Amino acid sequence: MTKYRCTVCGYVYNPEVGDPDSGINPGTSFEDLPDDWICPVCGVSKDQFEKVE
């Protein structure tokens, strides 16, 4: 599964881990995150993330 990095703070969303503090279960792809999901570190929206190659 593809990881995505926050371009503001560097947080990496790992779909294998999810974001349990925000109620996102492991196995949830970045594309399947709710539109209102925000970076758990700095609070920016999904459009501030880039794919990690």
Protein backbone atom coordinates (compact mmCIF):
# COMPACT_ATOMS: atom_id res chain seq x y z
CA MET A 1 0.00 0.00 0.00
CA THR A 2 1.22 3.48 -0.88
CA LYS A 3 2.37 5.87 1.83
CA TYR A 4 1.79 9.62 1.68
CA ARG A 5 3.88 12.38 3.28
CA CYS A 6 2.65 15.71 4.63
CA THR A 7 4.50 18.45 2.74
CA VAL A 8 4.18 20.79 5.73
CA CYS A 9 5.50 18.74 8.67
CA GLY A 10 6.81 15.48 7.15
CA TYR A 11 4.30 13.14 8.83
CA VAL A 12 3.94 9.94 6.79
CA TYR A 13 0.52 8.30 6.55
CA ASN A 14 1.09 4.55 6.48
CA PRO A 15 -2.07 2.69 5.41
CA GLU A 16 -0.85 -0.49 7.11
CA VAL A 17 -1.06 1.37 10.44
CA GLY A 18 -3.93 3.77 9.72
CA ASP A 19 -4.56 6.64 12.14
CA PRO A 20 -6.09 5.03 15.24
CA ASP A 21 -6.26 8.34 17.13
CA SER A 22 -8.60 9.64 14.40
CA GLY A 23 -10.60 6.42 14.13
CA ILE A 24 -8.93 5.28 10.90
CA ASN A 25 -8.45 1.52 10.90
CA PRO A 26 -5.29 -0.22 9.69
CA GLY A 27 -5.59 -1.16 6.02
CA THR A 28 -7.32 2.10 5.03
CA SER A 29 -5.74 3.50 1.87
CA PHE A 30 -5.03 7.22 1.64
CA GLU A 31 -7.61 7.54 -1.13
CA ASP A 32 -10.26 6.06 1.21
CA LEU A 33 -9.64 8.55 4.01
CA PRO A 34 -12.59 10.88 4.62
CA ASP A 35 -12.36 14.22 2.81
CA ASP A 36 -12.29 16.02 6.15
CA TRP A 37 -9.35 13.97 7.50
CA ILE A 38 -6.44 16.17 8.59
CA CYS A 39 -2.78 15.56 9.37
CA PRO A 40 -2.65 14.34 12.98
CA VAL A 41 0.56 16.29 13.58
CA CYS A 42 0.02 19.73 12.03
CA GLY A 43 -3.67 19.77 11.04
CA VAL A 44 -3.45 20.46 7.29
CA SER A 45 -5.86 18.85 4.82
CA LYS A 46 -5.29 15.84 2.56
CA ASP A 47 -4.37 18.05 -0.41
CA GLN A 48 -1.12 18.93 1.36
CA PHE A 49 0.11 15.32 1.10
CA GLU A 50 2.27 13.80 -1.62
CA LYS A 51 2.82 10.18 -2.61
CA VAL A 52 6.02 8.61 -1.24
CA GLU A 53 7.84 6.89 -4.10
